[in-house]
Amino acid sequence: MAENVEDKLKTLKNTLQTTEGIIESKTKEKNTLKGDIANLEKIVKEITQLSDAYKQGLTVIQKDETEIESYISLKEPMIETAIKDKKEDFDSAIKEVDDSIDNVQKEVDSLKEAVENAQKEYEGAKEKRDMSQTKYNSFKAKQKVIENNLKTLKDLKKRIEQEEDNKDTANMYFFLQESKKLLDATKTDILSEKDFKNKLLEEWAKLDADEMSARTKELSVEVARNKLYEKQKVLEIARKDRTQHILEKLKTI
């Protein structure tokens, strides 16, 4: 009888240990689910808020885009008539500055490729997740980017009017070309409310899938960017001074 009691006690202890292990595992699973649910609730709220904000701003965005496009269409023939045979020289001067910047950009691109090649052995789930996070964050900010571009276009419009008052058709031509390029780039970013929300959901779905994959892996990415950083600074300065360099060249024509 005593032996049977001891065996039963041992069995119960083993059962308790097994049960505690199951409870611990289920508790972790429950906490993970709670965290996932809380995160999804935050994402749903964020997407709804961003979509609502985009909807509210879309009318003004479309109105500004239409007005600026009409303004450029009106001014372009007038300015090109005013500069007459100097147009080719103006274009050449602008191209000369842009070509020099393009050459630096090519060097930057080459250095980026070298960095990417050095990173191949470190690439994996975490890097993919980070890239998806950047894309998602970038798309979340799309409305602000569009609105900033339109503000720049409005400023360019004022500059064209200022140069018109000064009867400086060369500068008018340059700022008109700048307006056209920025407008073309901005128009492709303006989406309908439905497309914006769908794209936002699509980018988040990619991020979520990559996040789940990254949880099962650990990565260590070692990157050397000194040369790239220095060349990017050169490119940044060249781009910053681009307008001034072009205007100085146009004055000599």
C-alpha atoms as a PDB file:
ATOM      1  CA  MET A   1       0.000   0.000   0.000  1.00  0.00           C
ATOM      2  CA  ALA A   2       2.806   2.435   0.907  1.00  0.00           C
ATOM      3  CA  GLU A   3       4.474   1.803  -2.452  1.00  0.00           C
ATOM      4  CA  ASN A   4       1.236   2.566  -4.313  1.00  0.00           C
ATOM      5  CA  VAL A   5       0.905   5.897  -2.478  1.00  0.00           C
ATOM      6  CA  GLU A   6       4.453   6.865  -3.384  1.00  0.00           C
ATOM      7  CA  ASP A   7       3.861   5.909  -7.002  1.00  0.00           C
ATOM      8  CA  LYS A   8       0.693   7.992  -7.069  1.00  0.00           C
ATOM      9  CA  LEU A   9       2.511  10.974  -5.535  1.00  0.00           C
ATOM     10  CA  LYS A  10       5.255  10.669  -8.134  1.00  0.00           C
ATOM     11  CA  THR A  11       2.671  10.469 -10.900  1.00  0.00           C
ATOM     12  CA  LEU A  12       0.857  13.536  -9.608  1.00  0.00           C
ATOM     13  CA  LYS A  13       4.092  15.508  -9.356  1.00  0.00           C
ATOM     14  CA  ASN A  14       4.962  14.585 -12.936  1.00  0.00           C
ATOM     15  CA  THR A  15       1.471  15.563 -14.041  1.00  0.00           C
ATOM     16  CA  LEU A  16       1.780  18.886 -12.202  1.00  0.00           C
ATOM     17  CA  GLN A  17       5.137  19.589 -13.831  1.00  0.00           C
ATOM     18  CA  THR A  18       3.715  18.816 -17.253  1.00  0.00           C
ATOM     19  CA  THR A  19       0.635  20.946 -16.583  1.00  0.00           C
ATOM     20  CA  GLU A  20       2.746  23.877 -15.389  1.00  0.00           C
ATOM     21  CA  GLY A  21       4.808  23.631 -18.560  1.00  0.00           C
ATOM     22  CA  ILE A  22       1.659  23.701 -20.669  1.00  0.00           C
ATOM     23  CA  ILE A  23       0.296  26.653 -18.697  1.00  0.00           C
ATOM     24  CA  GLU A  24       3.572  28.562 -19.093  1.00  0.00           C
ATOM     25  CA  SER A  25       3.577  27.887 -22.828  1.00  0.00           C
ATOM     26  CA  LYS A  26      -0.063  28.938 -23.181  1.00  0.00           C
ATOM     27  CA  THR A  27       0.572  32.054 -21.097  1.00  0.00           C
ATOM     28  CA  LYS A  28       3.381  33.092 -23.436  1.00  0.00           C
ATOM     29  CA  GLU A  29       1.141  32.364 -26.415  1.00  0.00           C
ATOM     30  CA  LYS A  30      -1.650  34.431 -24.852  1.00  0.00           C
ATOM     31  CA  ASN A  31       0.673  37.379 -24.193  1.00  0.00           C
ATOM     32  CA  THR A  32       1.992  37.209 -27.751  1.00  0.00           C
ATOM     33  CA  LEU A  33      -1.568  37.214 -29.096  1.00  0.00           C
ATOM     34  CA  LYS A  34      -2.452  40.186 -26.888  1.00  0.00           C
ATOM     35  CA  GLY A  35       0.552  42.064 -28.224  1.00  0.00           C
ATOM     36  CA  ASP A  36      -0.338  41.222 -31.821  1.00  0.00           C
ATOM     37  CA  ILE A  37      -3.948  42.300 -31.283  1.00  0.00           C
ATOM     38  CA  ALA A  38      -2.882  45.594 -29.689  1.00  0.00           C
ATOM     39  CA  ASN A  39      -0.492  46.253 -32.565  1.00  0.00           C
ATOM     40  CA  LEU A  40      -3.159  45.477 -35.169  1.00  0.00           C
ATOM     41  CA  GLU A  41      -5.636  47.772 -33.427  1.00  0.00           C
ATOM     42  CA  LYS A  42      -3.030  50.532 -33.563  1.00  0.00           C
ATOM     43  CA  ILE A  43      -2.366  49.857 -37.262  1.00  0.00           C
ATOM     44  CA  VAL A  44      -6.088  49.884 -38.129  1.00  0.00           C
ATOM     45  CA  LYS A  45      -6.512  53.198 -36.290  1.00  0.00           C
ATOM     46  CA  GLU A  46      -3.430  54.653 -37.975  1.00  0.00           C
ATOM     47  CA  ILE A  47      -4.538  53.599 -41.465  1.00  0.00           C
ATOM     48  CA  THR A  48      -8.024  55.017 -40.882  1.00  0.00           C
ATOM     49  CA  GLN A  49      -6.615  58.336 -39.642  1.00  0.00           C
ATOM     50  CA  LEU A  50      -4.167  58.627 -42.543  1.00  0.00           C
ATOM     51  CA  SER A  51      -6.867  57.788 -45.092  1.00  0.00           C
ATOM     52  CA  ASP A  52      -9.275  60.318 -43.577  1.00  0.00           C
ATOM     53  CA  ALA A  53      -6.582  63.011 -43.566  1.00  0.00           C
ATOM     54  CA  TYR A  54      -5.696  62.243 -47.177  1.00  0.00           C
ATOM     55  CA  LYS A  55      -9.368  62.452 -48.163  1.00  0.00           C
ATOM     56  CA  GLN A  56      -9.675  65.872 -46.520  1.00  0.00           C
ATOM     57  CA  GLY A  57      -6.573  67.198 -48.258  1.00  0.00           C
ATOM     58  CA  LEU A  58      -7.167  65.622 -51.670  1.00  0.00           C
ATOM     59  CA  THR A  59      -9.504  68.342 -52.974  1.00  0.00           C
ATOM     60  CA  VAL A  60      -6.973  71.101 -52.271  1.00  0.00           C
ATOM     61  CA  ILE A  61      -4.159  68.993 -53.719  1.00  0.00           C
ATOM     62  CA  GLN A  62      -6.064  68.399 -56.959  1.00  0.00           C
ATOM     63  CA  LYS A  63      -7.074  72.066 -57.193  1.00  0.00           C
ATOM     64  CA  ASP A  64      -3.492  73.289 -56.694  1.00  0.00           C
ATOM     65  CA  GLU A  65      -2.153  70.783 -59.220  1.00  0.00           C
ATOM     66  CA  THR A  66      -4.685  71.893 -61.852  1.00  0.00           C
ATOM     67  CA  GLU A  67      -4.003  75.601 -61.293  1.00  0.00           C
ATOM     68  CA  ILE A  68      -0.230  75.172 -61.512  1.00  0.00           C
ATOM     69  CA  GLU A  69      -0.489  73.044 -64.650  1.00  0.00           C
ATOM     70  CA  SER A  70      -2.690  75.710 -66.282  1.00  0.00           C
ATOM     71  CA  TYR A  71      -0.245  78.429 -65.250  1.00  0.00           C
ATOM     72  CA  ILE A  72       2.708  76.625 -66.799  1.00  0.00           C
ATOM     73  CA  SER A  73       0.766  75.987 -70.006  1.00  0.00           C
ATOM     74  CA  LEU A  74       0.000  79.698 -70.197  1.00  0.00           C
ATOM     75  CA  LYS A  75       3.498  80.970 -69.476  1.00  0.00           C
ATOM     76  CA  GLU A  76       5.574  78.509 -71.478  1.00  0.00           C
ATOM     77  CA  PRO A  77       4.846  79.826 -75.005  1.00  0.00           C
ATOM     78  CA  MET A  78       5.228  83.427 -73.846  1.00  0.00           C
ATOM     79  CA  ILE A  79       8.606  82.801 -72.230  1.00  0.00           C
ATOM     80  CA  GLU A  80       9.940  80.740 -75.138  1.00  0.00           C
ATOM     81  CA  THR A  81       8.902  83.489 -77.551  1.00  0.00           C
ATOM     82  CA  ALA A  82      10.674  86.066 -75.396  1.00  0.00           C
ATOM     83  CA  ILE A  83      13.986  84.208 -75.277  1.00  0.00           C
ATOM     84  CA  LYS A  84      13.871  83.412 -79.018  1.00  0.00           C
ATOM     85  CA  ASP A  85      17.201  82.086 -80.320  1.00  0.00           C
ATOM     86  CA  LYS A  86      18.746  81.925 -76.842  1.00  0.00           C
ATOM     87  CA  LYS A  87      16.721  78.872 -75.855  1.00  0.00           C
ATOM     88  CA  GLU A  88      19.345  76.438 -77.127  1.00  0.00           C
ATOM     89  CA  ASP A  89      22.096  78.272 -75.247  1.00  0.00           C
ATOM     90  CA  PHE A  90      20.002  78.335 -72.081  1.00  0.00           C
ATOM     91  CA  ASP A  91      19.306  74.608 -72.353  1.00  0.00           C
ATOM     92  CA  SER A  92      22.991  73.932 -72.934  1.00  0.00           C
ATOM     93  CA  ALA A  93      24.001  75.925 -69.849  1.00  0.00           C
ATOM     94  CA  ILE A  94      21.468  74.110 -67.696  1.00  0.00           C
ATOM     95  CA  LYS A  95      22.577  70.761 -69.103  1.00  0.00           C
ATOM     96  CA  GLU A  96      26.226  71.507 -68.374  1.00  0.00           C
ATOM     97  CA  VAL A  97      25.508  71.970 -64.668  1.00  0.00           C
ATOM     98  CA  ASP A  98      23.159  68.990 -64.572  1.00  0.00           C
ATOM     99  CA  ASP A  99      25.712  66.783 -66.324  1.00  0.00           C
ATOM    100  CA  SER A 100      28.314  67.604 -63.700  1.00  0.00           C
ATOM    101  CA  ILE A 101      25.844  66.647 -60.980  1.00  0.00           C
ATOM    102  CA  ASP A 102      24.926  63.487 -62.886  1.00  0.00           C
ATOM    103  CA  ASN A 103      28.596  62.496 -62.946  1.00  0.00           C
ATOM    104  CA  VAL A 104      28.763  62.777 -59.173  1.00  0.00           C
ATOM    105  CA  GLN A 105      25.514  60.843 -58.946  1.00  0.00           C
ATOM    106  CA  LYS A 106      27.047  58.062 -61.033  1.00  0.00           C
ATOM    107  CA  GLU A 107      29.963  57.909 -58.614  1.00  0.00           C
ATOM    108  CA  VAL A 108      27.495  57.716 -55.733  1.00  0.00           C
ATOM    109  CA  ASP A 109      25.576  54.950 -57.497  1.00  0.00           C
ATOM    110  CA  SER A 110      28.811  53.059 -58.075  1.00  0.00           C
ATOM    111  CA  LEU A 111      29.745  53.334 -54.403  1.00  0.00           C
ATOM    112  CA  LYS A 112      26.267  52.230 -53.397  1.00  0.00           C
ATOM    113  CA  GLU A 113      26.655  49.153 -55.565  1.00  0.00           C
ATOM    114  CA  ALA A 114      30.007  48.399 -53.927  1.00  0.00           C
ATOM    115  CA  VAL A 115      28.413  48.670 -50.486  1.00  0.00           C
ATOM    116  CA  GLU A 116      25.543  46.433 -51.540  1.00  0.00           C
ATOM    117  CA  ASN A 117      27.971  43.795 -52.804  1.00  0.00           C
ATOM    118  CA  ALA A 118      29.827  43.884 -49.482  1.00  0.00           C
ATOM    119  CA  GLN A 119      26.552  43.412 -47.615  1.00  0.00           C
ATOM    120  CA  LYS A 120      25.332  40.333 -49.511  1.00  0.00           C
ATOM    121  CA  GLU A 121      26.584  37.809 -46.950  1.00  0.00           C
ATOM    122  CA  TYR A 122      24.718  39.684 -44.201  1.00  0.00           C
ATOM    123  CA  GLU A 123      21.424  40.116 -45.984  1.00  0.00           C
ATOM    124  CA  GLY A 124      18.430  38.295 -44.602  1.00  0.00           C
ATOM    125  CA  ALA A 125      15.058  38.597 -42.950  1.00  0.00           C
ATOM    126  CA  LYS A 126      15.927  41.577 -40.706  1.00  0.00           C
ATOM    127  CA  GLU A 127      17.221  43.646 -43.617  1.00  0.00           C
ATOM    128  CA  LYS A 128      14.129  42.819 -45.628  1.00  0.00           C
ATOM    129  CA  ARG A 129      11.969  43.883 -42.695  1.00  0.00           C
ATOM    130  CA  ASP A 130      13.837  47.168 -42.366  1.00  0.00           C
ATOM    131  CA  MET A 131      13.391  47.905 -46.061  1.00  0.00           C
ATOM    132  CA  SER A 132       9.670  47.236 -45.778  1.00  0.00           C
ATOM    133  CA  GLN A 133       9.497  49.514 -42.736  1.00  0.00           C
ATOM    134  CA  THR A 134      11.157  52.314 -44.691  1.00  0.00           C
ATOM    135  CA  LYS A 135       8.755  51.883 -47.603  1.00  0.00           C
ATOM    136  CA  TYR A 136       5.771  51.892 -45.260  1.00  0.00           C
ATOM    137  CA  ASN A 137       6.980  54.999 -43.435  1.00  0.00           C
ATOM    138  CA  SER A 138       7.687  56.680 -46.744  1.00  0.00           C
ATOM    139  CA  PHE A 139       4.209  55.974 -48.037  1.00  0.00           C
ATOM    140  CA  LYS A 140       2.632  57.166 -44.800  1.00  0.00           C
ATOM    141  CA  ALA A 141       4.311  60.510 -45.450  1.00  0.00           C
ATOM    142  CA  LYS A 142       3.188  60.704 -49.090  1.00  0.00           C
ATOM    143  CA  GLN A 143       0.521  63.341 -48.466  1.00  0.00           C
ATOM    144  CA  LYS A 144       3.061  65.597 -46.743  1.00  0.00           C
ATOM    145  CA  VAL A 145       5.533  65.123 -49.608  1.00  0.00           C
ATOM    146  CA  ILE A 146       2.869  66.054 -52.156  1.00  0.00           C
ATOM    147  CA  GLU A 147       1.834  69.119 -50.188  1.00  0.00           C
ATOM    148  CA  ASN A 148       5.472  70.208 -49.771  1.00  0.00           C
ATOM    149  CA  ASN A 149       6.033  69.835 -53.522  1.00  0.00           C
ATOM    150  CA  LEU A 150       2.959  71.926 -54.245  1.00  0.00           C
ATOM    151  CA  LYS A 151       4.210  74.588 -51.830  1.00  0.00           C
ATOM    152  CA  THR A 152       7.514  74.620 -53.704  1.00  0.00           C
ATOM    153  CA  LEU A 153       5.622  74.950 -56.985  1.00  0.00           C
ATOM    154  CA  LYS A 154       3.703  77.920 -55.598  1.00  0.00           C
ATOM    155  CA  ASP A 155       6.998  79.507 -54.543  1.00  0.00           C
ATOM    156  CA  LEU A 156       8.376  78.914 -58.036  1.00  0.00           C
ATOM    157  CA  LYS A 157       5.294  80.587 -59.464  1.00  0.00           C
ATOM    158  CA  LYS A 158       5.974  83.655 -57.326  1.00  0.00           C
ATOM    159  CA  ARG A 159       9.604  83.623 -58.469  1.00  0.00           C
ATOM    160  CA  ILE A 160       8.535  83.521 -62.122  1.00  0.00           C
ATOM    161  CA  GLU A 161       6.262  86.517 -61.525  1.00  0.00           C
ATOM    162  CA  GLN A 162       9.109  88.337 -59.783  1.00  0.00           C
ATOM    163  CA  GLU A 163      11.465  87.674 -62.678  1.00  0.00           C
ATOM    164  CA  GLU A 164       8.734  88.781 -65.083  1.00  0.00           C
ATOM    165  CA  ASP A 165       8.502  92.100 -63.253  1.00  0.00           C
ATOM    166  CA  ASN A 166      12.269  92.378 -63.624  1.00  0.00           C
ATOM    167  CA  LYS A 167      11.934  91.457 -67.308  1.00  0.00           C
ATOM    168  CA  ASP A 168      14.469  88.665 -66.825  1.00  0.00           C
ATOM    169  CA  THR A 169      13.231  86.051 -69.277  1.00  0.00           C
ATOM    170  CA  ALA A 170      16.272  83.833 -68.773  1.00  0.00           C
ATOM    171  CA  ASN A 171      15.471  83.342 -65.109  1.00  0.00           C
ATOM    172  CA  MET A 172      11.788  82.981 -65.955  1.00  0.00           C
ATOM    173  CA  TYR A 173      12.662  80.179 -68.342  1.00  0.00           C
ATOM    174  CA  PHE A 174      14.768  78.358 -65.775  1.00  0.00           C
ATOM    175  CA  PHE A 175      12.166  78.513 -63.026  1.00  0.00           C
ATOM    176  CA  LEU A 176       9.500  77.432 -65.488  1.00  0.00           C
ATOM    177  CA  GLN A 177      11.533  74.334 -66.361  1.00  0.00           C
ATOM    178  CA  GLU A 178      11.976  73.620 -62.650  1.00  0.00           C
ATOM    179  CA  SER A 179       8.212  73.903 -62.162  1.00  0.00           C
ATOM    180  CA  LYS A 180       7.483  71.527 -65.022  1.00  0.00           C
ATOM    181  CA  LYS A 181       9.849  68.866 -63.711  1.00  0.00           C
ATOM    182  CA  LEU A 182       8.545  69.030 -60.157  1.00  0.00           C
ATOM    183  CA  LEU A 183       4.934  69.081 -61.322  1.00  0.00           C
ATOM    184  CA  ASP A 184       5.431  65.995 -63.486  1.00  0.00           C
ATOM    185  CA  ALA A 185       6.999  64.146 -60.557  1.00  0.00           C
ATOM    186  CA  THR A 186       4.249  65.235 -58.188  1.00  0.00           C
ATOM    187  CA  LYS A 187       1.344  64.306 -60.459  1.00  0.00           C
ATOM    188  CA  THR A 188       2.363  60.640 -60.478  1.00  0.00           C
ATOM    189  CA  ASP A 189       2.123  60.567 -56.665  1.00  0.00           C
ATOM    190  CA  ILE A 190      -1.436  61.888 -56.446  1.00  0.00           C
ATOM    191  CA  LEU A 191      -3.760  58.913 -55.949  1.00  0.00           C
ATOM    192  CA  SER A 192      -7.462  58.515 -55.317  1.00  0.00           C
ATOM    193  CA  GLU A 193      -8.558  57.994 -51.722  1.00  0.00           C
ATOM    194  CA  LYS A 194      -9.292  54.316 -52.416  1.00  0.00           C
ATOM    195  CA  ASP A 195      -5.938  53.684 -54.122  1.00  0.00           C
ATOM    196  CA  PHE A 196      -4.099  55.470 -51.316  1.00  0.00           C
ATOM    197  CA  LYS A 197      -5.699  53.323 -48.616  1.00  0.00           C
ATOM    198  CA  ASN A 198      -5.241  50.114 -50.623  1.00  0.00           C
ATOM    199  CA  LYS A 199      -1.569  50.928 -51.195  1.00  0.00           C
ATOM    200  CA  LEU A 200      -1.145  51.735 -47.515  1.00  0.00           C
ATOM    201  CA  LEU A 201      -2.678  48.371 -46.601  1.00  0.00           C
ATOM    202  CA  GLU A 202      -0.505  46.637 -49.183  1.00  0.00           C
ATOM    203  CA  GLU A 203       2.695  48.178 -47.815  1.00  0.00           C
ATOM    204  CA  TRP A 204       1.718  47.278 -44.263  1.00  0.00           C
ATOM    205  CA  ALA A 205       0.919  43.676 -45.303  1.00  0.00           C
ATOM    206  CA  LYS A 206       4.441  43.369 -46.737  1.00  0.00           C
ATOM    207  CA  LEU A 207       5.909  44.822 -43.548  1.00  0.00           C
ATOM    208  CA  ASP A 208       3.851  42.472 -41.368  1.00  0.00           C
ATOM    209  CA  ALA A 209       4.933  39.404 -43.374  1.00  0.00           C
ATOM    210  CA  ASP A 210       8.599  40.433 -43.175  1.00  0.00           C
ATOM    211  CA  GLU A 211       8.278  41.134 -39.444  1.00  0.00           C
ATOM    212  CA  MET A 212       6.947  37.612 -38.810  1.00  0.00           C
ATOM    213  CA  SER A 213       9.866  36.175 -40.781  1.00  0.00           C
ATOM    214  CA  ALA A 214      12.421  38.349 -38.980  1.00  0.00           C
ATOM    215  CA  ARG A 215      11.261  37.066 -35.572  1.00  0.00           C
ATOM    216  CA  THR A 216      12.695  33.633 -36.356  1.00  0.00           C
ATOM    217  CA  LYS A 217      16.076  34.896 -37.491  1.00  0.00           C
ATOM    218  CA  GLU A 218      18.919  37.014 -36.195  1.00  0.00           C
ATOM    219  CA  LEU A 219      21.133  39.003 -38.438  1.00  0.00           C
ATOM    220  CA  SER A 220      24.279  40.952 -38.059  1.00  0.00           C
ATOM    221  CA  VAL A 221      24.968  43.448 -40.846  1.00  0.00           C
ATOM    222  CA  GLU A 222      28.343  45.151 -40.955  1.00  0.00           C
ATOM    223  CA  VAL A 223      28.569  48.064 -43.317  1.00  0.00           C
ATOM    224  CA  ALA A 224      31.411  50.418 -44.301  1.00  0.00           C
ATOM    225  CA  ARG A 225      30.058  53.670 -45.789  1.00  0.00           C
ATOM    226  CA  ASN A 226      32.820  56.261 -45.392  1.00  0.00           C
ATOM    227  CA  LYS A 227      33.543  56.731 -49.098  1.00  0.00           C
ATOM    228  CA  LEU A 228      29.862  56.722 -49.959  1.00  0.00           C
ATOM    229  CA  TYR A 229      29.108  59.253 -47.233  1.00  0.00           C
ATOM    230  CA  GLU A 230      31.800  61.653 -48.437  1.00  0.00           C
ATOM    231  CA  LYS A 231      30.626  61.431 -52.052  1.00  0.00           C
ATOM    232  CA  GLN A 232      27.025  61.927 -50.976  1.00  0.00           C
ATOM    233  CA  LYS A 233      28.074  65.131 -49.224  1.00  0.00           C
ATOM    234  CA  VAL A 234      29.686  66.331 -52.457  1.00  0.00           C
ATOM    235  CA  LEU A 235      26.469  65.501 -54.292  1.00  0.00           C
ATOM    236  CA  GLU A 236      24.384  67.243 -51.657  1.00  0.00           C
ATOM    237  CA  ILE A 237      26.411  70.443 -52.004  1.00  0.00           C
ATOM    238  CA  ALA A 238      26.265  70.271 -55.807  1.00  0.00           C
ATOM    239  CA  ARG A 239      22.498  69.924 -55.705  1.00  0.00           C
ATOM    240  CA  LYS A 240      22.167  72.683 -53.140  1.00  0.00           C
ATOM    241  CA  ASP A 241      24.200  75.099 -55.292  1.00  0.00           C
ATOM    242  CA  ARG A 242      22.658  73.939 -58.593  1.00  0.00           C
ATOM    243  CA  THR A 243      20.195  76.788 -59.058  1.00  0.00           C
ATOM    244  CA  GLN A 244      22.778  79.467 -58.253  1.00  0.00           C
ATOM    245  CA  HIS A 245      25.319  77.946 -60.646  1.00  0.00           C
ATOM    246  CA  ILE A 246      22.770  77.786 -63.458  1.00  0.00           C
ATOM    247  CA  LEU A 247      21.564  81.352 -62.934  1.00  0.00           C
ATOM    248  CA  GLU A 248      25.162  82.594 -63.002  1.00  0.00           C
ATOM    249  CA  LYS A 249      25.729  80.820 -66.311  1.00  0.00           C
ATOM    250  CA  LEU A 250      22.509  82.189 -67.802  1.00  0.00           C
ATOM    251  CA  LYS A 251      23.577  85.746 -66.987  1.00  0.00           C
ATOM    252  CA  THR A 252      26.602  85.358 -69.244  1.00  0.00           C
ATOM    253  CA  ILE A 253      24.526  84.412 -72.297  1.00  0.00           C
END
